[in-house]
């Protein structure tokens, strides 16, 4: 007996599209349009897609953290420079006191 063929569907390349494809694969398995072997292969592929997305999200978060630290360091250095700048009015007063 020939296995019933699956209807072909296009899915969005988003997490919502992946979720929809996974549920459709589950329904196909229940209806006999897919074999357990095909469903396992589909599941492994989806797991790899999700894993690569997870790595991408972690990499983006790391890059944002690094950028935030660089900006914080620049702000800190800028504040330190401002604190160390001599006040021109005070320098003249100190110079007069030294001369006396």
C-alpha atoms as a PDB file:
ATOM      1  CA  UNK A   1       0.000   0.000   0.000  1.00  0.00           C
ATOM      2  CA  UNK A   2       1.392   3.406  -0.969  1.00  0.00           C
ATOM      3  CA  UNK A   3       1.933   6.005   1.678  1.00  0.00           C
ATOM      4  CA  UNK A   4      -0.314   9.078   1.334  1.00  0.00           C
ATOM      5  CA  UNK A   5       1.628  12.112   0.120  1.00  0.00           C
ATOM      6  CA  UNK A   6       2.001  15.228   2.211  1.00  0.00           C
ATOM      7  CA  UNK A   7       0.571  18.460   0.933  1.00  0.00           C
ATOM      8  CA  UNK A   8       3.370  20.989   0.319  1.00  0.00           C
ATOM      9  CA  UNK A   9       3.146  24.194   2.372  1.00  0.00           C
ATOM     10  CA  UNK A  10       5.351  27.263   2.522  1.00  0.00           C
ATOM     11  CA  UNK A  11       6.144  28.616   5.973  1.00  0.00           C
ATOM     12  CA  UNK A  12       7.514  31.951   7.089  1.00  0.00           C
ATOM     13  CA  UNK A  13      11.160  31.768   8.121  1.00  0.00           C
ATOM     14  CA  UNK A  14      10.354  32.925  11.620  1.00  0.00           C
ATOM     15  CA  UNK A  15       9.908  31.218  14.963  1.00  0.00           C
ATOM     16  CA  UNK A  16       6.143  31.329  14.389  1.00  0.00           C
ATOM     17  CA  UNK A  17       6.602  29.661  10.989  1.00  0.00           C
ATOM     18  CA  UNK A  18       8.842  26.999  12.499  1.00  0.00           C
ATOM     19  CA  UNK A  19       6.300  26.337  15.242  1.00  0.00           C
ATOM     20  CA  UNK A  20       3.532  26.022  12.629  1.00  0.00           C
ATOM     21  CA  UNK A  21       5.645  23.602  10.577  1.00  0.00           C
ATOM     22  CA  UNK A  22       6.342  21.482  13.664  1.00  0.00           C
ATOM     23  CA  UNK A  23       2.647  21.236  14.497  1.00  0.00           C
ATOM     24  CA  UNK A  24       1.848  20.373  10.876  1.00  0.00           C
ATOM     25  CA  UNK A  25       4.501  17.633  10.968  1.00  0.00           C
ATOM     26  CA  UNK A  26       2.890  16.254  14.127  1.00  0.00           C
ATOM     27  CA  UNK A  27      -0.518  16.224  12.421  1.00  0.00           C
ATOM     28  CA  UNK A  28       0.989  14.556   9.338  1.00  0.00           C
ATOM     29  CA  UNK A  29       2.484  11.884  11.573  1.00  0.00           C
ATOM     30  CA  UNK A  30      -0.878  11.256  13.230  1.00  0.00           C
ATOM     31  CA  UNK A  31      -2.673  11.088   9.866  1.00  0.00           C
ATOM     32  CA  UNK A  32      -0.101   8.742   8.328  1.00  0.00           C
ATOM     33  CA  UNK A  33       1.291  11.321   5.884  1.00  0.00           C
ATOM     34  CA  UNK A  34       4.683  11.171   7.636  1.00  0.00           C
ATOM     35  CA  UNK A  35       6.755   8.388   9.151  1.00  0.00           C
ATOM     36  CA  UNK A  36       8.357   8.443  12.599  1.00  0.00           C
ATOM     37  CA  UNK A  37      11.748   8.547  10.829  1.00  0.00           C
ATOM     38  CA  UNK A  38      10.724  11.690   8.878  1.00  0.00           C
ATOM     39  CA  UNK A  39       9.277  13.316  11.994  1.00  0.00           C
ATOM     40  CA  UNK A  40      12.493  12.669  13.954  1.00  0.00           C
ATOM     41  CA  UNK A  41      14.599  14.125  11.131  1.00  0.00           C
ATOM     42  CA  UNK A  42      12.309  17.161  10.974  1.00  0.00           C
ATOM     43  CA  UNK A  43      12.549  17.589  14.747  1.00  0.00           C
ATOM     44  CA  UNK A  44      16.355  17.418  14.691  1.00  0.00           C
ATOM     45  CA  UNK A  45      16.486  20.008  11.923  1.00  0.00           C
ATOM     46  CA  UNK A  46      14.175  22.315  13.883  1.00  0.00           C
ATOM     47  CA  UNK A  47      16.345  21.807  16.976  1.00  0.00           C
ATOM     48  CA  UNK A  48      19.421  22.888  14.988  1.00  0.00           C
ATOM     49  CA  UNK A  49      17.615  25.982  13.720  1.00  0.00           C
ATOM     50  CA  UNK A  50      16.582  26.914  17.260  1.00  0.00           C
ATOM     51  CA  UNK A  51      20.109  26.222  18.540  1.00  0.00           C
ATOM     52  CA  UNK A  52      21.652  28.517  15.934  1.00  0.00           C
ATOM     53  CA  UNK A  53      19.149  31.230  16.844  1.00  0.00           C
ATOM     54  CA  UNK A  54      20.016  30.790  20.523  1.00  0.00           C
ATOM     55  CA  UNK A  55      23.715  31.264  19.725  1.00  0.00           C
ATOM     56  CA  UNK A  56      22.901  34.346  17.662  1.00  0.00           C
ATOM     57  CA  UNK A  57      20.880  35.867  20.519  1.00  0.00           C
ATOM     58  CA  UNK A  58      23.665  35.170  23.041  1.00  0.00           C
ATOM     59  CA  UNK A  59      26.271  36.647  20.677  1.00  0.00           C
ATOM     60  CA  UNK A  60      24.145  39.791  20.225  1.00  0.00           C
ATOM     61  CA  UNK A  61      23.695  40.139  23.992  1.00  0.00           C
ATOM     62  CA  UNK A  62      27.450  39.764  24.496  1.00  0.00           C
ATOM     63  CA  UNK A  63      28.156  42.428  21.855  1.00  0.00           C
ATOM     64  CA  UNK A  64      25.651  44.794  23.505  1.00  0.00           C
ATOM     65  CA  UNK A  65      27.231  44.204  26.920  1.00  0.00           C
ATOM     66  CA  UNK A  66      30.697  44.900  25.510  1.00  0.00           C
ATOM     67  CA  UNK A  67      29.443  48.107  23.858  1.00  0.00           C
ATOM     68  CA  UNK A  68      27.762  49.233  27.104  1.00  0.00           C
ATOM     69  CA  UNK A  69      30.999  48.660  29.029  1.00  0.00           C
ATOM     70  CA  UNK A  70      32.986  50.640  26.466  1.00  0.00           C
ATOM     71  CA  UNK A  71      30.514  53.517  26.671  1.00  0.00           C
ATOM     72  CA  UNK A  72      30.560  53.415  30.479  1.00  0.00           C
ATOM     73  CA  UNK A  73      34.371  53.477  30.426  1.00  0.00           C
ATOM     74  CA  UNK A  74      34.386  56.470  28.078  1.00  0.00           C
ATOM     75  CA  UNK A  75      31.903  58.322  30.286  1.00  0.00           C
ATOM     76  CA  UNK A  76      33.988  57.533  33.363  1.00  0.00           C
ATOM     77  CA  UNK A  77      37.182  58.733  31.695  1.00  0.00           C
ATOM     78  CA  UNK A  78      35.375  61.879  30.537  1.00  0.00           C
ATOM     79  CA  UNK A  79      34.238  62.599  34.104  1.00  0.00           C
ATOM     80  CA  UNK A  80      37.735  61.998  35.444  1.00  0.00           C
ATOM     81  CA  UNK A  81      39.165  64.445  32.916  1.00  0.00           C
ATOM     82  CA  UNK A  82      36.569  67.043  33.935  1.00  0.00           C
ATOM     83  CA  UNK A  83      37.444  66.579  37.616  1.00  0.00           C
ATOM     84  CA  UNK A  84      41.166  66.957  36.939  1.00  0.00           C
ATOM     85  CA  UNK A  85      40.841  70.100  34.820  1.00  0.00           C
ATOM     86  CA  UNK A  86      42.109  73.066  36.814  1.00  0.00           C
ATOM     87  CA  UNK A  87      39.583  75.801  37.446  1.00  0.00           C
ATOM     88  CA  UNK A  88      41.028  78.875  35.765  1.00  0.00           C
ATOM     89  CA  UNK A  89      39.701  81.258  38.415  1.00  0.00           C
ATOM     90  CA  UNK A  90      41.249  79.229  41.242  1.00  0.00           C
ATOM     91  CA  UNK A  91      44.637  79.039  39.504  1.00  0.00           C
ATOM     92  CA  UNK A  92      44.916  82.818  39.431  1.00  0.00           C
ATOM     93  CA  UNK A  93      44.033  83.043  43.144  1.00  0.00           C
ATOM     94  CA  UNK A  94      46.581  80.333  44.013  1.00  0.00           C
ATOM     95  CA  UNK A  95      49.245  82.046  41.957  1.00  0.00           C
ATOM     96  CA  UNK A  96      48.617  85.336  43.830  1.00  0.00           C
ATOM     97  CA  UNK A  97      48.799  83.544  47.207  1.00  0.00           C
ATOM     98  CA  UNK A  98      52.137  81.967  46.246  1.00  0.00           C
ATOM     99  CA  UNK A  99      53.568  85.349  45.257  1.00  0.00           C
ATOM    100  CA  UNK A 100      52.702  86.936  48.618  1.00  0.00           C
END
